[in-house]
Amino acid sequence: PGDNSQGCFGIVGTTSAVTLIAVATVAVL
């Protein structure tokens, strides 16, 4: 509550675009 990170989303995994997992991880961190 009160954190302005609301709207920042978690890690996404894909099948054919598995590289997005690592890429998106940094963003969520």
Full PDB file with SEQRES, HELIX, SHEET, SSBOND, CRYST1, ORIGX, SCALE, CONECT and MASTER records, all heavy atoms in Angstrom:
SEQRES   1 A   29  PRO GLY ASP ASN SER GLN GLY CYS PHE GLY ILE VAL GLY          
SEQRES   2 A   29  THR THR SER ALA VAL THR LEU ILE ALA VAL ALA THR VAL          
SEQRES   3 A   29  ALA VAL LEU                                                  
HELIX    1 AA1 THR A   19  VAL A   28  1                                  10    
CRYST1    1.000    1.000    1.000  90.00  90.00  90.00 P 1           1          
ORIGX1      1.000000  0.000000  0.000000        0.00000                         
ORIGX2      0.000000  1.000000  0.000000        0.00000                         
ORIGX3      0.000000  0.000000  1.000000        0.00000                         
SCALE1      1.000000  0.000000  0.000000        0.00000                         
SCALE2      0.000000  1.000000  0.000000        0.00000                         
SCALE3      0.000000  0.000000  1.000000        0.00000                         
ATOM      1  N   PRO A   1       0.821  -1.206   0.000  1.00  0.00           N  
ATOM      2  CA  PRO A   1       0.000   0.000   0.000  1.00  0.00           C  
ATOM      3  C   PRO A   1       0.855   1.256   0.000  1.00  0.00           C  
ATOM      4  O   PRO A   1       1.802   1.371   0.756  1.00  0.00           O  
ATOM      5  CB  PRO A   1      -0.795  -0.139   1.309  1.00  0.00           C  
ATOM      6  CG  PRO A   1      -0.821  -1.607   1.590  1.00  0.00           C  
ATOM      7  CD  PRO A   1       0.485  -2.137   1.093  1.00  0.00           C  
ATOM      8  N   GLY A   2       0.497   2.172  -0.853  1.00  0.00           N  
ATOM      9  CA  GLY A   2       1.219   3.430  -0.931  1.00  0.00           C  
ATOM     10  C   GLY A   2       2.459   3.400  -1.787  1.00  0.00           C  
ATOM     11  O   GLY A   2       3.092   4.434  -2.018  1.00  0.00           O  
ATOM     12  N   ASP A   3       2.850   2.269  -2.290  1.00  0.00           N  
ATOM     13  CA  ASP A   3       4.027   2.174  -3.136  1.00  0.00           C  
ATOM     14  C   ASP A   3       3.672   2.596  -4.548  1.00  0.00           C  
ATOM     15  O   ASP A   3       2.712   2.088  -5.124  1.00  0.00           O  
ATOM     16  CB  ASP A   3       4.534   0.725  -3.127  1.00  0.00           C  
ATOM     17  CG  ASP A   3       5.780   0.544  -3.952  1.00  0.00           C  
ATOM     18  OD1 ASP A   3       6.356   1.548  -4.393  1.00  0.00           O  
ATOM     19  OD2 ASP A   3       6.186  -0.604  -4.148  1.00  0.00           O  
ATOM     20  N   ASN A   4       4.431   3.482  -5.147  1.00  0.00           N  
ATOM     21  CA  ASN A   4       4.093   3.924  -6.484  1.00  0.00           C  
ATOM     22  C   ASN A   4       4.529   2.946  -7.552  1.00  0.00           C  
ATOM     23  O   ASN A   4       4.424   3.247  -8.732  1.00  0.00           O  
ATOM     24  CB  ASN A   4       4.656   5.330  -6.771  1.00  0.00           C  
ATOM     25  CG  ASN A   4       6.087   5.311  -7.246  1.00  0.00           C  
ATOM     26  OD1 ASN A   4       6.779   4.309  -7.175  1.00  0.00           O  
ATOM     27  ND2 ASN A   4       6.552   6.441  -7.753  1.00  0.00           N  
ATOM     28  N   SER A   5       4.975   1.753  -7.167  1.00  0.00           N  
ATOM     29  CA  SER A   5       5.315   0.754  -8.164  1.00  0.00           C  
ATOM     30  C   SER A   5       4.091   0.006  -8.678  1.00  0.00           C  
ATOM     31  O   SER A   5       4.201  -0.877  -9.505  1.00  0.00           O  
ATOM     32  CB  SER A   5       6.334  -0.251  -7.603  1.00  0.00           C  
ATOM     33  OG  SER A   5       5.779  -0.983  -6.558  1.00  0.00           O  
ATOM     34  N   GLN A   6       2.912   0.321  -8.195  1.00  0.00           N  
ATOM     35  CA  GLN A   6       1.716  -0.307  -8.720  1.00  0.00           C  
ATOM     36  C   GLN A   6       1.601   0.002 -10.201  1.00  0.00           C  
ATOM     37  O   GLN A   6       1.724   1.115 -10.644  1.00  0.00           O  
ATOM     38  CB  GLN A   6       0.474   0.182  -7.989  1.00  0.00           C  
ATOM     39  CG  GLN A   6      -0.779  -0.580  -8.407  1.00  0.00           C  
ATOM     40  CD  GLN A   6      -1.862  -0.507  -7.399  1.00  0.00           C  
ATOM     41  OE1 GLN A   6      -1.716   0.107  -6.383  1.00  0.00           O  
ATOM     42  NE2 GLN A   6      -2.957  -1.164  -7.656  1.00  0.00           N  
ATOM     43  N   GLY A   7       1.360  -1.019 -10.953  1.00  0.00           N  
ATOM     44  CA  GLY A   7       1.361  -0.864 -12.396  1.00  0.00           C  
ATOM     45  C   GLY A   7       2.669  -1.305 -13.014  1.00  0.00           C  
ATOM     46  O   GLY A   7       2.797  -1.349 -14.218  1.00  0.00           O  
ATOM     47  N   CYS A   8       3.658  -1.664 -12.196  1.00  0.00           N  
ATOM     48  CA  CYS A   8       4.872  -2.288 -12.685  1.00  0.00           C  
ATOM     49  C   CYS A   8       4.703  -3.782 -12.510  1.00  0.00           C  
ATOM     50  O   CYS A   8       4.371  -4.253 -11.442  1.00  0.00           O  
ATOM     51  CB  CYS A   8       6.075  -1.776 -11.912  1.00  0.00           C  
ATOM     52  SG  CYS A   8       7.614  -2.357 -12.588  1.00  0.00           S  
ATOM     53  N   PHE A   9       4.946  -4.532 -13.552  1.00  0.00           N  
ATOM     54  CA  PHE A   9       4.444  -5.890 -13.590  1.00  0.00           C  
ATOM     55  C   PHE A   9       5.547  -6.920 -13.496  1.00  0.00           C  
ATOM     56  O   PHE A   9       6.728  -6.637 -13.625  1.00  0.00           O  
ATOM     57  CB  PHE A   9       3.627  -6.073 -14.865  1.00  0.00           C  
ATOM     58  CG  PHE A   9       2.714  -4.919 -15.099  1.00  0.00           C  
ATOM     59  CD1 PHE A   9       2.944  -4.020 -16.110  1.00  0.00           C  
ATOM     60  CD2 PHE A   9       1.652  -4.688 -14.231  1.00  0.00           C  
ATOM     61  CE1 PHE A   9       2.122  -2.917 -16.288  1.00  0.00           C  
ATOM     62  CE2 PHE A   9       0.830  -3.586 -14.410  1.00  0.00           C  
ATOM     63  CZ  PHE A   9       1.066  -2.698 -15.445  1.00  0.00           C  
ATOM     64  N   GLY A  10       5.159  -8.162 -13.274  1.00  0.00           N  
ATOM     65  CA  GLY A  10       6.088  -9.230 -12.986  1.00  0.00           C  
ATOM     66  C   GLY A  10       6.750  -9.859 -14.172  1.00  0.00           C  
ATOM     67  O   GLY A  10       6.680  -9.376 -15.290  1.00  0.00           O  
ATOM     68  N   ILE A  11       7.402 -10.983 -13.945  1.00  0.00           N  
ATOM     69  CA  ILE A  11       8.180 -11.657 -14.955  1.00  0.00           C  
ATOM     70  C   ILE A  11       7.271 -12.392 -15.919  1.00  0.00           C  
ATOM     71  O   ILE A  11       6.320 -13.046 -15.538  1.00  0.00           O  
ATOM     72  CB  ILE A  11       9.151 -12.639 -14.298  1.00  0.00           C  
ATOM     73  CG1 ILE A  11      10.041 -11.900 -13.294  1.00  0.00           C  
ATOM     74  CG2 ILE A  11      10.006 -13.354 -15.321  1.00  0.00           C  
ATOM     75  CD1 ILE A  11      10.825 -12.817 -12.404  1.00  0.00           C  
ATOM     76  N   VAL A  12       7.573 -12.313 -17.189  1.00  0.00           N  
ATOM     77  CA  VAL A  12       6.803 -12.990 -18.222  1.00  0.00           C  
ATOM     78  C   VAL A  12       7.646 -14.090 -18.847  1.00  0.00           C  
ATOM     79  O   VAL A  12       8.774 -13.860 -19.270  1.00  0.00           O  
ATOM     80  CB  VAL A  12       6.338 -12.012 -19.302  1.00  0.00           C  
ATOM     81  CG1 VAL A  12       5.703 -12.755 -20.461  1.00  0.00           C  
ATOM     82  CG2 VAL A  12       5.355 -11.015 -18.711  1.00  0.00           C  
ATOM     83  N   GLY A  13       7.117 -15.290 -18.920  1.00  0.00           N  
ATOM     84  CA  GLY A  13       7.753 -16.372 -19.625  1.00  0.00           C  
ATOM     85  C   GLY A  13       7.038 -16.648 -20.931  1.00  0.00           C  
ATOM     86  O   GLY A  13       5.831 -16.502 -21.022  1.00  0.00           O  
ATOM     87  N   THR A  14       7.775 -17.032 -21.941  1.00  0.00           N  
ATOM     88  CA  THR A  14       7.172 -17.366 -23.219  1.00  0.00           C  
ATOM     89  C   THR A  14       7.712 -18.697 -23.701  1.00  0.00           C  
ATOM     90  O   THR A  14       8.663 -19.245 -23.156  1.00  0.00           O  
ATOM     91  CB  THR A  14       7.457 -16.294 -24.278  1.00  0.00           C  
ATOM     92  OG1 THR A  14       8.848 -16.321 -24.602  1.00  0.00           O  
ATOM     93  CG2 THR A  14       7.088 -14.912 -23.777  1.00  0.00           C  
ATOM     94  N   THR A  15       7.125 -19.207 -24.783  1.00  0.00           N  
ATOM     95  CA  THR A  15       7.590 -20.456 -25.369  1.00  0.00           C  
ATOM     96  C   THR A  15       8.630 -20.186 -26.445  1.00  0.00           C  
ATOM     97  O   THR A  15       9.809 -20.428 -26.258  1.00  0.00           O  
ATOM     98  CB  THR A  15       6.411 -21.247 -25.937  1.00  0.00           C  
ATOM     99  OG1 THR A  15       5.660 -20.422 -26.835  1.00  0.00           O  
ATOM    100  CG2 THR A  15       5.485 -21.708 -24.824  1.00  0.00           C  
ATOM    101  N   SER A  16       8.227 -19.621 -27.571  1.00  0.00           N  
ATOM    102  CA  SER A  16       9.184 -19.352 -28.636  1.00  0.00           C  
ATOM    103  C   SER A  16      10.062 -18.145 -28.367  1.00  0.00           C  
ATOM    104  O   SER A  16      11.090 -17.979 -28.987  1.00  0.00           O  
ATOM    105  CB  SER A  16       8.452 -19.157 -29.966  1.00  0.00           C  
ATOM    106  OG  SER A  16       7.580 -18.044 -29.890  1.00  0.00           O  
ATOM    107  N   ALA A  17       9.689 -17.260 -27.454  1.00  0.00           N  
ATOM    108  CA  ALA A  17      10.490 -16.084 -27.097  1.00  0.00           C  
ATOM    109  C   ALA A  17      10.990 -16.211 -25.674  1.00  0.00           C  
ATOM    110  O   ALA A  17      10.826 -15.340 -24.837  1.00  0.00           O  
ATOM    111  CB  ALA A  17       9.688 -14.813 -27.275  1.00  0.00           C  
ATOM    112  N   VAL A  18      11.673 -17.306 -25.395  1.00  0.00           N  
ATOM    113  CA  VAL A  18      12.126 -17.578 -24.034  1.00  0.00           C  
ATOM    114  C   VAL A  18      13.109 -16.525 -23.544  1.00  0.00           C  
ATOM    115  O   VAL A  18      13.241 -16.310 -22.336  1.00  0.00           O  
ATOM    116  CB  VAL A  18      12.747 -18.978 -23.973  1.00  0.00           C  
ATOM    117  CG1 VAL A  18      14.014 -19.043 -24.743  1.00  0.00           C  
ATOM    118  CG2 VAL A  18      13.001 -19.421 -22.568  1.00  0.00           C  
ATOM    119  N   THR A  19      13.813 -15.843 -24.454  1.00  0.00           N  
ATOM    120  CA  THR A  19      14.768 -14.820 -24.027  1.00  0.00           C  
ATOM    121  C   THR A  19      14.098 -13.671 -23.302  1.00  0.00           C  
ATOM    122  O   THR A  19      14.748 -12.961 -22.536  1.00  0.00           O  
ATOM    123  CB  THR A  19      15.533 -14.266 -25.233  1.00  0.00           C  
ATOM    124  OG1 THR A  19      14.603 -13.765 -26.187  1.00  0.00           O  
ATOM    125  CG2 THR A  19      16.387 -15.320 -25.883  1.00  0.00           C  
ATOM    126  N   LEU A  20      12.805 -13.476 -23.503  1.00  0.00           N  
ATOM    127  CA  LEU A  20      12.116 -12.398 -22.806  1.00  0.00           C  
ATOM    128  C   LEU A  20      12.075 -12.620 -21.302  1.00  0.00           C  
ATOM    129  O   LEU A  20      11.915 -11.675 -20.541  1.00  0.00           O  
ATOM    130  CB  LEU A  20      10.693 -12.245 -23.334  1.00  0.00           C  
ATOM    131  CG  LEU A  20      10.552 -11.687 -24.741  1.00  0.00           C  
ATOM    132  CD1 LEU A  20       9.092 -11.532 -25.089  1.00  0.00           C  
ATOM    133  CD2 LEU A  20      11.252 -10.354 -24.873  1.00  0.00           C  
ATOM    134  N   ILE A  21      12.239 -13.858 -20.866  1.00  0.00           N  
ATOM    135  CA  ILE A  21      12.234 -14.126 -19.440  1.00  0.00           C  
ATOM    136  C   ILE A  21      13.356 -13.352 -18.757  1.00  0.00           C  
ATOM    137  O   ILE A  21      13.136 -12.612 -17.806  1.00  0.00           O  
ATOM    138  CB  ILE A  21      12.383 -15.625 -19.163  1.00  0.00           C  
ATOM    139  CG1 ILE A  21      11.190 -16.401 -19.735  1.00  0.00           C  
ATOM    140  CG2 ILE A  21      12.510 -15.879 -17.664  1.00  0.00           C  
ATOM    141  CD1 ILE A  21      11.344 -17.906 -19.605  1.00  0.00           C  
ATOM    142  N   ALA A  22      14.569 -13.539 -19.275  1.00  0.00           N  
ATOM    143  CA  ALA A  22      15.715 -12.864 -18.687  1.00  0.00           C  
ATOM    144  C   ALA A  22      15.620 -11.363 -18.852  1.00  0.00           C  
ATOM    145  O   ALA A  22      15.963 -10.600 -17.948  1.00  0.00           O  
ATOM    146  CB  ALA A  22      17.002 -13.378 -19.315  1.00  0.00           C  
ATOM    147  N   VAL A  23      15.157 -10.934 -19.996  1.00  0.00           N  
ATOM    148  CA  VAL A  23      15.050  -9.514 -20.268  1.00  0.00           C  
ATOM    149  C   VAL A  23      14.055  -8.846 -19.328  1.00  0.00           C  
ATOM    150  O   VAL A  23      14.330  -7.820 -18.714  1.00  0.00           O  
ATOM    151  CB  VAL A  23      14.639  -9.277 -21.730  1.00  0.00           C  
ATOM    152  CG1 VAL A  23      14.374  -7.803 -21.968  1.00  0.00           C  
ATOM    153  CG2 VAL A  23      15.720  -9.773 -22.681  1.00  0.00           C  
ATOM    154  N   ALA A  24      12.894  -9.420 -19.216  1.00  0.00           N  
ATOM    155  CA  ALA A  24      11.859  -8.839 -18.386  1.00  0.00           C  
ATOM    156  C   ALA A  24      12.195  -8.926 -16.902  1.00  0.00           C  
ATOM    157  O   ALA A  24      11.738  -8.115 -16.111  1.00  0.00           O  
ATOM    158  CB  ALA A  24      10.524  -9.515 -18.661  1.00  0.00           C  
ATOM    159  N   THR A  25      13.018  -9.899 -16.518  1.00  0.00           N  
ATOM    160  CA  THR A  25      13.379 -10.039 -15.120  1.00  0.00           C  
ATOM    161  C   THR A  25      14.015  -8.773 -14.586  1.00  0.00           C  
ATOM    162  O   THR A  25      13.675  -8.302 -13.504  1.00  0.00           O  
ATOM    163  CB  THR A  25      14.333 -11.220 -14.915  1.00  0.00           C  
ATOM    164  OG1 THR A  25      13.679 -12.432 -15.272  1.00  0.00           O  
ATOM    165  CG2 THR A  25      14.776 -11.311 -13.463  1.00  0.00           C  
ATOM    166  N   VAL A  26      14.933  -8.199 -15.348  1.00  0.00           N  
ATOM    167  CA  VAL A  26      15.604  -6.994 -14.897  1.00  0.00           C  
ATOM    168  C   VAL A  26      14.602  -5.876 -14.684  1.00  0.00           C  
ATOM    169  O   VAL A  26      14.665  -5.125 -13.714  1.00  0.00           O  
ATOM    170  CB  VAL A  26      16.683  -6.554 -15.907  1.00  0.00           C  
ATOM    171  CG1 VAL A  26      17.377  -5.296 -15.416  1.00  0.00           C  
ATOM    172  CG2 VAL A  26      17.700  -7.662 -16.104  1.00  0.00           C  
ATOM    173  N   ALA A  27      13.654  -5.766 -15.598  1.00  0.00           N  
ATOM    174  CA  ALA A  27      12.673  -4.705 -15.482  1.00  0.00           C  
ATOM    175  C   ALA A  27      11.862  -4.802 -14.205  1.00  0.00           C  
ATOM    176  O   ALA A  27      11.645  -3.811 -13.514  1.00  0.00           O  
ATOM    177  CB  ALA A  27      11.745  -4.724 -16.693  1.00  0.00           C  
ATOM    178  N   VAL A  28      11.444  -5.998 -13.856  1.00  0.00           N  
ATOM    179  CA  VAL A  28      10.629  -6.127 -12.666  1.00  0.00           C  
ATOM    180  C   VAL A  28      11.450  -5.918 -11.402  1.00  0.00           C  
ATOM    181  O   VAL A  28      10.964  -5.412 -10.405  1.00  0.00           O  
ATOM    182  CB  VAL A  28       9.898  -7.482 -12.630  1.00  0.00           C  
ATOM    183  CG1 VAL A  28      10.844  -8.618 -12.374  1.00  0.00           C  
ATOM    184  CG2 VAL A  28       8.814  -7.464 -11.557  1.00  0.00           C  
ATOM    185  N   LEU A  29      12.729  -6.266 -11.458  1.00  0.00           N  
ATOM    186  CA  LEU A  29      13.545  -6.152 -10.270  1.00  0.00           C  
ATOM    187  C   LEU A  29      13.680  -4.733  -9.775  1.00  0.00           C  
ATOM    188  O   LEU A  29      13.710  -4.484  -8.580  1.00  0.00           O  
ATOM    189  CB  LEU A  29      14.931  -6.748 -10.517  1.00  0.00           C  
ATOM    190  CG  LEU A  29      14.960  -8.251 -10.752  1.00  0.00           C  
ATOM    191  CD1 LEU A  29      16.377  -8.720 -10.897  1.00  0.00           C  
ATOM    192  CD2 LEU A  29      14.242  -9.000  -9.641  1.00  0.00           C  
TER     193      LEU A  29                                                      
MASTER        0    0    0    1    0    0    0    6  192    1    0    3          
END                                                                             
